[in-house]
Amino acid sequence: MKESIEEKRARLLGLAKASLSEAYSTEEHSLIQAINAYNETEKMRNLMHERLEEWYSIYFPEAKISSPSVYAKFIIEFGRNKKEVEEIKLEEIFGDKKEEIKSIIERSIGREPTSEEYAAVRRIAEEELNLIELEKRLDNYIEKTTKKLIPNISYLIDYKIAAELLAKSGSLSKLAVMPASTIQLLGAEKALFKHIKFGSKPPKYGYLFKIAPVTNASRDDRGRVARLYAAKISIAARADAFTKNFIAPKLKEDIDKALARERKHGKKREYRASPRQDHGRDRGREGRFRNRR
């Protein structure tokens, strides 16, 4: 019996709904939202902390407190009148550095804020502490979920970088079928389009630059190290998506061996290049001197 248009529409709509339900049946989309929320929260907190430091420097310009949470707690506890500090609370916040902070407070040239000013600054400090707490909770969720959903990838690299790769690809199945060269450039789309459009230098890495061995490598070697990690992450992604086998320790061992070889060859390249460069420079100088004569 031939389907009517309405029956076909209802059948296709049902298939679309079933496909959508299946696509969102795992936690990976929640993980994608979590890492995006974490990055946005971090940006907001950094902006808020910059504003808080700039504003409170009117009242305490000598303050050099590196920890954002400690800085916010100090404002909440002592911001109204910093010279009337309670030593017990000062020790709770700063520990062994309490005497140093107390000495800075005593010789501060900053004025004390009015009640209205303090209320506004205190509110920003409280909101920053709330954002710090939110960051911690999101971080805990991301770590737990990443290690459960993509254990191989999160074993090779930091769990937040693994979550960012997942978010940029859109899903684990998409990440698993990507070639290593694409994984290497995830997060560098703007630089890639700039290269295609204007002919600038092509990017060598995106999110993978955050991996410590890539960051710490010399500028000439970073591309090779990023390519090494991308190749192993590609294999790990397929294992996480399809076979569910935990093969990360072997992949990590291969990476460590390859990095050791890269460091060894890098030293050899540096040693071999130096005499040639020096010889070329000397030869150039001799030529210039001959021309002058």
C-alpha atoms as a PDB file:
ATOM      1  CA  MET A   1       0.000   0.000   0.000  1.00  0.00           C
ATOM      2  CA  LYS A   2       1.355   3.366  -1.004  1.00  0.00           C
ATOM      3  CA  GLU A   3       2.104   5.850   1.798  1.00  0.00           C
ATOM      4  CA  SER A   4       0.284   9.120   1.802  1.00  0.00           C
ATOM      5  CA  ILE A   5       2.214  12.356   2.159  1.00  0.00           C
ATOM      6  CA  GLU A   6       1.071  12.734   5.780  1.00  0.00           C
ATOM      7  CA  GLU A   7       2.098   9.169   6.656  1.00  0.00           C
ATOM      8  CA  LYS A   8       5.517   9.628   5.073  1.00  0.00           C
ATOM      9  CA  ARG A   9       5.944  12.938   6.930  1.00  0.00           C
ATOM     10  CA  ALA A  10       5.011  11.271  10.238  1.00  0.00           C
ATOM     11  CA  ARG A  11       7.386   8.347   9.609  1.00  0.00           C
ATOM     12  CA  LEU A  12      10.343  10.588   8.706  1.00  0.00           C
ATOM     13  CA  LEU A  13       9.640  12.853  11.674  1.00  0.00           C
ATOM     14  CA  GLY A  14       9.658   9.808  13.958  1.00  0.00           C
ATOM     15  CA  LEU A  15      12.988   8.656  12.518  1.00  0.00           C
ATOM     16  CA  ALA A  16      14.475  12.116  13.037  1.00  0.00           C
ATOM     17  CA  LYS A  17      13.313  12.196  16.668  1.00  0.00           C
ATOM     18  CA  ALA A  18      14.742   8.708  17.301  1.00  0.00           C
ATOM     19  CA  SER A  19      18.052   9.693  15.717  1.00  0.00           C
ATOM     20  CA  LEU A  20      18.195  12.854  17.835  1.00  0.00           C
ATOM     21  CA  SER A  21      17.427  10.935  21.029  1.00  0.00           C
ATOM     22  CA  GLU A  22      20.176   8.435  20.228  1.00  0.00           C
ATOM     23  CA  ALA A  23      22.689  11.193  19.494  1.00  0.00           C
ATOM     24  CA  TYR A  24      22.097  12.788  22.913  1.00  0.00           C
ATOM     25  CA  SER A  25      21.911   9.502  24.826  1.00  0.00           C
ATOM     26  CA  THR A  26      25.518   9.709  26.082  1.00  0.00           C
ATOM     27  CA  GLU A  27      27.195  12.214  28.405  1.00  0.00           C
ATOM     28  CA  GLU A  28      29.563  13.560  25.770  1.00  0.00           C
ATOM     29  CA  HIS A  29      27.286  16.491  24.893  1.00  0.00           C
ATOM     30  CA  SER A  30      27.037  17.407  28.582  1.00  0.00           C
ATOM     31  CA  LEU A  31      30.823  17.290  28.714  1.00  0.00           C
ATOM     32  CA  ILE A  32      31.008  19.620  25.707  1.00  0.00           C
ATOM     33  CA  GLN A  33      28.705  22.106  27.433  1.00  0.00           C
ATOM     34  CA  ALA A  34      30.724  21.790  30.649  1.00  0.00           C
ATOM     35  CA  ILE A  35      34.094  22.609  29.058  1.00  0.00           C
ATOM     36  CA  ASN A  36      32.546  25.537  27.177  1.00  0.00           C
ATOM     37  CA  ALA A  37      30.998  26.782  30.436  1.00  0.00           C
ATOM     38  CA  TYR A  38      34.364  26.368  32.212  1.00  0.00           C
ATOM     39  CA  ASN A  39      36.246  28.405  29.599  1.00  0.00           C
ATOM     40  CA  GLU A  40      33.631  31.166  29.630  1.00  0.00           C
ATOM     41  CA  THR A  41      33.589  31.227  33.450  1.00  0.00           C
ATOM     42  CA  GLU A  42      37.372  31.499  33.510  1.00  0.00           C
ATOM     43  CA  LYS A  43      37.275  34.456  31.114  1.00  0.00           C
ATOM     44  CA  MET A  44      34.614  36.208  33.206  1.00  0.00           C
ATOM     45  CA  ARG A  45      36.535  35.615  36.420  1.00  0.00           C
ATOM     46  CA  ASN A  46      39.778  36.956  34.935  1.00  0.00           C
ATOM     47  CA  LEU A  47      38.017  40.105  33.735  1.00  0.00           C
ATOM     48  CA  MET A  48      36.323  40.540  37.094  1.00  0.00           C
ATOM     49  CA  HIS A  49      39.606  40.079  38.953  1.00  0.00           C
ATOM     50  CA  GLU A  50      41.339  42.678  36.762  1.00  0.00           C
ATOM     51  CA  ARG A  51      38.548  45.151  37.505  1.00  0.00           C
ATOM     52  CA  LEU A  52      38.654  44.328  41.226  1.00  0.00           C
ATOM     53  CA  GLU A  53      42.428  44.849  41.411  1.00  0.00           C
ATOM     54  CA  GLU A  54      42.241  48.115  39.517  1.00  0.00           C
ATOM     55  CA  TRP A  55      39.416  49.441  41.682  1.00  0.00           C
ATOM     56  CA  TYR A  56      40.829  48.362  45.069  1.00  0.00           C
ATOM     57  CA  SER A  57      44.275  49.723  44.173  1.00  0.00           C
ATOM     58  CA  ILE A  58      42.758  53.142  44.965  1.00  0.00           C
ATOM     59  CA  TYR A  59      42.605  52.073  48.618  1.00  0.00           C
ATOM     60  CA  PHE A  60      45.565  49.686  48.807  1.00  0.00           C
ATOM     61  CA  PRO A  61      48.010  50.380  45.955  1.00  0.00           C
ATOM     62  CA  GLU A  62      50.848  48.439  47.618  1.00  0.00           C
ATOM     63  CA  ALA A  63      48.960  45.132  47.641  1.00  0.00           C
ATOM     64  CA  LYS A  64      50.796  42.444  45.653  1.00  0.00           C
ATOM     65  CA  ILE A  65      48.638  39.350  46.213  1.00  0.00           C
ATOM     66  CA  SER A  66      49.012  36.792  43.436  1.00  0.00           C
ATOM     67  CA  SER A  67      46.114  34.504  44.378  1.00  0.00           C
ATOM     68  CA  PRO A  68      42.715  35.844  43.184  1.00  0.00           C
ATOM     69  CA  SER A  69      40.823  34.007  45.931  1.00  0.00           C
ATOM     70  CA  VAL A  70      43.124  35.349  48.669  1.00  0.00           C
ATOM     71  CA  TYR A  71      42.823  38.864  47.238  1.00  0.00           C
ATOM     72  CA  ALA A  72      39.015  38.639  47.258  1.00  0.00           C
ATOM     73  CA  LYS A  73      38.961  37.237  50.815  1.00  0.00           C
ATOM     74  CA  PHE A  74      41.220  40.049  51.995  1.00  0.00           C
ATOM     75  CA  ILE A  75      38.822  42.665  50.591  1.00  0.00           C
ATOM     76  CA  ILE A  76      35.822  40.981  52.198  1.00  0.00           C
ATOM     77  CA  GLU A  77      37.495  40.741  55.621  1.00  0.00           C
ATOM     78  CA  PHE A  78      39.583  43.922  55.764  1.00  0.00           C
ATOM     79  CA  GLY A  79      38.559  46.102  52.837  1.00  0.00           C
ATOM     80  CA  ARG A  80      36.447  48.543  54.852  1.00  0.00           C
ATOM     81  CA  ASN A  81      39.350  49.505  57.128  1.00  0.00           C
ATOM     82  CA  LYS A  82      42.507  47.565  56.341  1.00  0.00           C
ATOM     83  CA  LYS A  83      44.450  49.020  59.265  1.00  0.00           C
ATOM     84  CA  GLU A  84      42.058  47.511  61.791  1.00  0.00           C
ATOM     85  CA  VAL A  85      43.004  43.931  60.982  1.00  0.00           C
ATOM     86  CA  GLU A  86      42.530  40.988  63.310  1.00  0.00           C
ATOM     87  CA  GLU A  87      45.734  38.970  63.446  1.00  0.00           C
ATOM     88  CA  ILE A  88      43.878  35.666  63.734  1.00  0.00           C
ATOM     89  CA  LYS A  89      41.951  36.247  60.501  1.00  0.00           C
ATOM     90  CA  LEU A  90      45.059  37.663  58.855  1.00  0.00           C
ATOM     91  CA  GLU A  91      46.881  34.418  59.669  1.00  0.00           C
ATOM     92  CA  GLU A  92      43.931  32.361  58.385  1.00  0.00           C
ATOM     93  CA  ILE A  93      44.166  34.058  54.989  1.00  0.00           C
ATOM     94  CA  PHE A  94      47.931  34.582  54.573  1.00  0.00           C
ATOM     95  CA  GLY A  95      49.532  32.048  56.925  1.00  0.00           C
ATOM     96  CA  ASP A  96      53.282  32.668  57.342  1.00  0.00           C
ATOM     97  CA  LYS A  97      53.115  35.870  55.285  1.00  0.00           C
ATOM     98  CA  LYS A  98      50.868  37.673  57.777  1.00  0.00           C
ATOM     99  CA  GLU A  99      53.686  39.817  59.207  1.00  0.00           C
ATOM    100  CA  GLU A 100      54.780  40.901  55.741  1.00  0.00           C
ATOM    101  CA  ILE A 101      51.202  41.873  54.794  1.00  0.00           C
ATOM    102  CA  LYS A 102      50.717  43.655  58.125  1.00  0.00           C
ATOM    103  CA  SER A 103      53.885  45.690  57.525  1.00  0.00           C
ATOM    104  CA  ILE A 104      52.678  46.682  54.029  1.00  0.00           C
ATOM    105  CA  ILE A 105      49.288  47.710  55.449  1.00  0.00           C
ATOM    106  CA  GLU A 106      50.888  49.925  58.115  1.00  0.00           C
ATOM    107  CA  ARG A 107      52.846  51.964  55.577  1.00  0.00           C
ATOM    108  CA  SER A 108      50.102  52.075  52.926  1.00  0.00           C
ATOM    109  CA  ILE A 109      49.319  55.495  51.422  1.00  0.00           C
ATOM    110  CA  GLY A 110      45.846  54.443  50.212  1.00  0.00           C
ATOM    111  CA  ARG A 111      42.720  55.965  51.716  1.00  0.00           C
ATOM    112  CA  GLU A 112      39.876  53.918  53.186  1.00  0.00           C
ATOM    113  CA  PRO A 113      36.727  53.500  51.061  1.00  0.00           C
ATOM    114  CA  THR A 114      33.379  55.013  51.982  1.00  0.00           C
ATOM    115  CA  SER A 115      30.548  52.684  52.976  1.00  0.00           C
ATOM    116  CA  GLU A 116      29.004  52.863  49.501  1.00  0.00           C
ATOM    117  CA  GLU A 117      32.355  52.238  47.796  1.00  0.00           C
ATOM    118  CA  TYR A 118      33.148  49.307  50.051  1.00  0.00           C
ATOM    119  CA  ALA A 119      29.724  47.737  49.497  1.00  0.00           C
ATOM    120  CA  ALA A 120      30.267  47.799  45.729  1.00  0.00           C
ATOM    121  CA  VAL A 121      33.836  46.457  45.874  1.00  0.00           C
ATOM    122  CA  ARG A 122      32.877  43.768  48.387  1.00  0.00           C
ATOM    123  CA  ARG A 123      30.078  42.612  46.083  1.00  0.00           C
ATOM    124  CA  ILE A 124      32.548  42.129  43.220  1.00  0.00           C
ATOM    125  CA  ALA A 125      34.891  40.197  45.541  1.00  0.00           C
ATOM    126  CA  GLU A 126      32.026  37.926  46.627  1.00  0.00           C
ATOM    127  CA  GLU A 127      31.013  37.283  43.022  1.00  0.00           C
ATOM    128  CA  GLU A 128      34.609  36.411  42.151  1.00  0.00           C
ATOM    129  CA  LEU A 129      34.708  33.836  44.932  1.00  0.00           C
ATOM    130  CA  ASN A 130      31.436  32.396  43.606  1.00  0.00           C
ATOM    131  CA  LEU A 131      32.973  32.113  40.130  1.00  0.00           C
ATOM    132  CA  ILE A 132      36.075  30.427  41.585  1.00  0.00           C
ATOM    133  CA  GLU A 133      33.826  27.904  43.324  1.00  0.00           C
ATOM    134  CA  LEU A 134      31.891  27.346  40.090  1.00  0.00           C
ATOM    135  CA  GLU A 135      35.179  26.760  38.241  1.00  0.00           C
ATOM    136  CA  LYS A 136      36.182  24.113  40.788  1.00  0.00           C
ATOM    137  CA  ARG A 137      32.873  22.281  40.477  1.00  0.00           C
ATOM    138  CA  LEU A 138      32.964  22.353  36.680  1.00  0.00           C
ATOM    139  CA  ASP A 139      36.588  21.204  36.749  1.00  0.00           C
ATOM    140  CA  ASN A 140      35.706  18.232  38.976  1.00  0.00           C
ATOM    141  CA  TYR A 141      32.849  17.251  36.680  1.00  0.00           C
ATOM    142  CA  ILE A 142      35.013  17.605  33.554  1.00  0.00           C
ATOM    143  CA  GLU A 143      37.810  15.489  35.049  1.00  0.00           C
ATOM    144  CA  LYS A 144      35.455  12.727  36.188  1.00  0.00           C
ATOM    145  CA  THR A 145      33.419  12.607  32.970  1.00  0.00           C
ATOM    146  CA  THR A 146      36.382  12.878  30.612  1.00  0.00           C
ATOM    147  CA  LYS A 147      38.174   9.967  32.249  1.00  0.00           C
ATOM    148  CA  LYS A 148      34.998   7.906  31.978  1.00  0.00           C
ATOM    149  CA  LEU A 149      34.017   8.757  28.379  1.00  0.00           C
ATOM    150  CA  ILE A 150      37.408   9.145  26.702  1.00  0.00           C
ATOM    151  CA  PRO A 151      39.860   7.326  29.006  1.00  0.00           C
ATOM    152  CA  ASN A 152      42.520   6.769  26.335  1.00  0.00           C
ATOM    153  CA  ILE A 153      42.707  10.403  25.209  1.00  0.00           C
ATOM    154  CA  SER A 154      42.604  11.803  28.749  1.00  0.00           C
ATOM    155  CA  TYR A 155      45.443   9.431  29.713  1.00  0.00           C
ATOM    156  CA  LEU A 156      47.687  10.846  26.991  1.00  0.00           C
ATOM    157  CA  ILE A 157      46.935  14.540  27.569  1.00  0.00           C
ATOM    158  CA  ASP A 158      45.381  16.794  30.193  1.00  0.00           C
ATOM    159  CA  TYR A 159      41.669  16.081  30.623  1.00  0.00           C
ATOM    160  CA  LYS A 160      40.660  19.684  29.874  1.00  0.00           C
ATOM    161  CA  ILE A 161      42.581  19.641  26.575  1.00  0.00           C
ATOM    162  CA  ALA A 162      40.900  16.323  25.758  1.00  0.00           C
ATOM    163  CA  ALA A 163      37.492  17.873  26.490  1.00  0.00           C
ATOM    164  CA  GLU A 164      38.317  20.874  24.278  1.00  0.00           C
ATOM    165  CA  LEU A 165      39.216  18.570  21.383  1.00  0.00           C
ATOM    166  CA  LEU A 166      35.903  16.766  21.867  1.00  0.00           C
ATOM    167  CA  ALA A 167      33.974  20.048  21.981  1.00  0.00           C
ATOM    168  CA  LYS A 168      35.640  21.418  18.853  1.00  0.00           C
ATOM    169  CA  SER A 169      35.022  18.206  16.878  1.00  0.00           C
ATOM    170  CA  GLY A 170      31.365  18.060  17.948  1.00  0.00           C
ATOM    171  CA  SER A 171      31.207  14.437  19.088  1.00  0.00           C
ATOM    172  CA  LEU A 172      33.443  11.477  19.854  1.00  0.00           C
ATOM    173  CA  SER A 173      32.420   9.661  16.660  1.00  0.00           C
ATOM    174  CA  LYS A 174      33.468  12.694  14.577  1.00  0.00           C
ATOM    175  CA  LEU A 175      36.754  13.004  16.459  1.00  0.00           C
ATOM    176  CA  ALA A 176      37.445   9.295  15.925  1.00  0.00           C
ATOM    177  CA  VAL A 177      37.215   9.504  12.129  1.00  0.00           C
ATOM    178  CA  MET A 178      39.305  12.673  11.835  1.00  0.00           C
ATOM    179  CA  PRO A 179      42.818  12.289  10.371  1.00  0.00           C
ATOM    180  CA  ALA A 180      45.694  13.172  12.659  1.00  0.00           C
ATOM    181  CA  SER A 181      46.464  16.297  10.608  1.00  0.00           C
ATOM    182  CA  THR A 182      42.992  17.681  11.360  1.00  0.00           C
ATOM    183  CA  ILE A 183      43.257  16.879  15.072  1.00  0.00           C
ATOM    184  CA  GLN A 184      46.611  18.679  15.127  1.00  0.00           C
ATOM    185  CA  LEU A 185      44.959  21.910  13.919  1.00  0.00           C
ATOM    186  CA  LEU A 186      41.775  21.820  16.021  1.00  0.00           C
ATOM    187  CA  GLY A 187      41.538  25.218  17.702  1.00  0.00           C
ATOM    188  CA  ALA A 188      43.644  26.966  15.023  1.00  0.00           C
ATOM    189  CA  GLU A 189      40.843  27.566  12.513  1.00  0.00           C
ATOM    190  CA  LYS A 190      41.313  31.333  12.360  1.00  0.00           C
ATOM    191  CA  ALA A 191      45.032  31.000  11.617  1.00  0.00           C
ATOM    192  CA  LEU A 192      44.286  28.319   8.999  1.00  0.00           C
ATOM    193  CA  PHE A 193      41.714  30.488   7.189  1.00  0.00           C
ATOM    194  CA  LYS A 194      44.129  33.416   7.335  1.00  0.00           C
ATOM    195  CA  HIS A 195      46.775  31.225   5.713  1.00  0.00           C
ATOM    196  CA  ILE A 196      44.356  30.121   2.979  1.00  0.00           C
ATOM    197  CA  LYS A 197      43.046  33.633   2.315  1.00  0.00           C
ATOM    198  CA  PHE A 198      46.149  35.800   2.692  1.00  0.00           C
ATOM    199  CA  GLY A 199      49.022  33.342   2.302  1.00  0.00           C
ATOM    200  CA  SER A 200      50.406  33.795   5.809  1.00  0.00           C
ATOM    201  CA  LYS A 201      52.385  31.035   7.512  1.00  0.00           C
ATOM    202  CA  PRO A 202      50.277  27.912   8.111  1.00  0.00           C
ATOM    203  CA  PRO A 203      49.552  26.971  11.739  1.00  0.00           C
ATOM    204  CA  LYS A 204      51.305  23.939  13.203  1.00  0.00           C
ATOM    205  CA  TYR A 205      49.018  23.310  16.190  1.00  0.00           C
ATOM    206  CA  GLY A 206      45.841  24.458  17.903  1.00  0.00           C
ATOM    207  CA  TYR A 207      44.782  23.189  21.318  1.00  0.00           C
ATOM    208  CA  LEU A 208      47.750  20.802  21.313  1.00  0.00           C
ATOM    209  CA  PHE A 209      50.032  23.767  22.032  1.00  0.00           C
ATOM    210  CA  LYS A 210      48.780  23.549  25.653  1.00  0.00           C
ATOM    211  CA  ILE A 211      50.435  20.138  26.058  1.00  0.00           C
ATOM    212  CA  ALA A 212      53.617  20.651  28.093  1.00  0.00           C
ATOM    213  CA  PRO A 213      56.065  18.824  25.733  1.00  0.00           C
ATOM    214  CA  VAL A 214      54.747  20.887  22.800  1.00  0.00           C
ATOM    215  CA  THR A 215      54.951  24.158  24.738  1.00  0.00           C
ATOM    216  CA  ASN A 216      58.436  23.410  26.059  1.00  0.00           C
ATOM    217  CA  ALA A 217      59.854  22.256  22.721  1.00  0.00           C
ATOM    218  CA  SER A 218      61.950  24.620  20.643  1.00  0.00           C
ATOM    219  CA  ARG A 219      60.086  26.638  18.037  1.00  0.00           C
ATOM    220  CA  ASP A 220      61.429  24.464  15.207  1.00  0.00           C
ATOM    221  CA  ASP A 221      60.440  21.235  16.963  1.00  0.00           C
ATOM    222  CA  ARG A 222      56.930  22.145  18.195  1.00  0.00           C
ATOM    223  CA  GLY A 223      55.266  21.155  14.936  1.00  0.00           C
ATOM    224  CA  ARG A 224      56.892  17.703  15.001  1.00  0.00           C
ATOM    225  CA  VAL A 225      55.937  17.115  18.641  1.00  0.00           C
ATOM    226  CA  ALA A 226      52.348  18.261  17.998  1.00  0.00           C
ATOM    227  CA  ARG A 227      52.161  15.919  14.988  1.00  0.00           C
ATOM    228  CA  LEU A 228      53.383  13.039  17.168  1.00  0.00           C
ATOM    229  CA  TYR A 229      50.675  13.681  19.762  1.00  0.00           C
ATOM    230  CA  ALA A 230      47.997  14.123  17.088  1.00  0.00           C
ATOM    231  CA  ALA A 231      48.815  10.725  15.584  1.00  0.00           C
ATOM    232  CA  LYS A 232      48.510   8.950  18.943  1.00  0.00           C
ATOM    233  CA  ILE A 233      45.359  10.890  19.912  1.00  0.00           C
ATOM    234  CA  SER A 234      43.793   9.775  16.621  1.00  0.00           C
ATOM    235  CA  ILE A 235      44.412   6.130  17.556  1.00  0.00           C
ATOM    236  CA  ALA A 236      43.182   6.716  21.123  1.00  0.00           C
ATOM    237  CA  ALA A 237      39.977   8.350  19.856  1.00  0.00           C
ATOM    238  CA  ARG A 238      39.148   5.309  17.722  1.00  0.00           C
ATOM    239  CA  ALA A 239      39.683   3.044  20.712  1.00  0.00           C
ATOM    240  CA  ASP A 240      37.429   5.220  22.899  1.00  0.00           C
ATOM    241  CA  ALA A 241      34.709   5.429  20.258  1.00  0.00           C
ATOM    242  CA  PHE A 242      34.654   1.927  18.775  1.00  0.00           C
ATOM    243  CA  THR A 243      36.673  -0.849  20.420  1.00  0.00           C
ATOM    244  CA  LYS A 244      36.508   0.493  24.018  1.00  0.00           C
ATOM    245  CA  ASN A 245      39.926  -1.085  24.643  1.00  0.00           C
ATOM    246  CA  PHE A 246      42.279   0.736  27.015  1.00  0.00           C
ATOM    247  CA  ILE A 247      45.467   1.029  24.959  1.00  0.00           C
ATOM    248  CA  ALA A 248      46.702   4.361  26.349  1.00  0.00           C
ATOM    249  CA  PRO A 249      49.732   3.028  28.337  1.00  0.00           C
ATOM    250  CA  LYS A 250      51.256   1.590  25.152  1.00  0.00           C
ATOM    251  CA  LEU A 251      50.559   4.807  23.237  1.00  0.00           C
ATOM    252  CA  LYS A 252      52.085   6.848  26.067  1.00  0.00           C
ATOM    253  CA  GLU A 253      55.189   4.644  26.023  1.00  0.00           C
ATOM    254  CA  ASP A 254      55.515   5.190  22.263  1.00  0.00           C
ATOM    255  CA  ILE A 255      55.207   8.955  22.755  1.00  0.00           C
ATOM    256  CA  ASP A 256      57.879   9.005  25.467  1.00  0.00           C
ATOM    257  CA  LYS A 257      60.289   7.016  23.279  1.00  0.00           C
ATOM    258  CA  ALA A 258      59.645   9.274  20.295  1.00  0.00           C
ATOM    259  CA  LEU A 259      60.171  12.400  22.432  1.00  0.00           C
ATOM    260  CA  ALA A 260      63.472  10.996  23.703  1.00  0.00           C
ATOM    261  CA  ARG A 261      64.613  10.372  20.105  1.00  0.00           C
ATOM    262  CA  GLU A 262      63.436  13.854  19.116  1.00  0.00           C
ATOM    263  CA  ARG A 263      65.459  15.462  21.919  1.00  0.00           C
ATOM    264  CA  LYS A 264      68.521  13.458  20.924  1.00  0.00           C
ATOM    265  CA  HIS A 265      68.245  14.339  17.240  1.00  0.00           C
ATOM    266  CA  GLY A 266      67.420  17.932  18.117  1.00  0.00           C
ATOM    267  CA  LYS A 267      70.710  18.283  19.975  1.00  0.00           C
ATOM    268  CA  LYS A 268      72.552  16.773  17.009  1.00  0.00           C
ATOM    269  CA  ARG A 269      70.868  19.172  14.590  1.00  0.00           C
ATOM    270  CA  GLU A 270      71.766  22.113  16.803  1.00  0.00           C
ATOM    271  CA  TYR A 271      75.375  20.940  17.101  1.00  0.00           C
ATOM    272  CA  ARG A 272      75.732  20.415  13.352  1.00  0.00           C
ATOM    273  CA  ALA A 273      74.041  23.662  12.381  1.00  0.00           C
ATOM    274  CA  SER A 274      76.129  25.950  14.579  1.00  0.00           C
ATOM    275  CA  PRO A 275      79.557  25.475  12.884  1.00  0.00           C
ATOM    276  CA  ARG A 276      78.027  25.896   9.414  1.00  0.00           C
ATOM    277  CA  GLN A 277      76.265  29.096  10.395  1.00  0.00           C
ATOM    278  CA  ASP A 278      79.404  30.487  11.985  1.00  0.00           C
ATOM    279  CA  HIS A 279      81.488  29.482   8.948  1.00  0.00           C
ATOM    280  CA  GLY A 280      78.976  31.143   6.633  1.00  0.00           C
ATOM    281  CA  ARG A 281      79.024  34.340   8.624  1.00  0.00           C
ATOM    282  CA  ASP A 282      82.829  34.428   8.694  1.00  0.00           C
ATOM    283  CA  ARG A 283      82.993  33.803   4.968  1.00  0.00           C
ATOM    284  CA  GLY A 284      80.535  36.654   4.398  1.00  0.00           C
ATOM    285  CA  ARG A 285      82.643  38.991   6.480  1.00  0.00           C
ATOM    286  CA  GLU A 286      85.791  38.042   4.577  1.00  0.00           C
ATOM    287  CA  GLY A 287      84.019  38.774   1.322  1.00  0.00           C
ATOM    288  CA  ARG A 288      82.918  42.189   2.515  1.00  0.00           C
ATOM    289  CA  PHE A 289      86.457  43.024   3.656  1.00  0.00           C
ATOM    290  CA  ARG A 290      87.843  41.976   0.257  1.00  0.00           C
ATOM    291  CA  ASN A 291      85.365  44.197  -1.540  1.00  0.00           C
ATOM    292  CA  ARG A 292      86.335  47.133   0.623  1.00  0.00           C
ATOM    293  CA  ARG A 293      89.997  46.606  -0.169  1.00  0.00           C
END
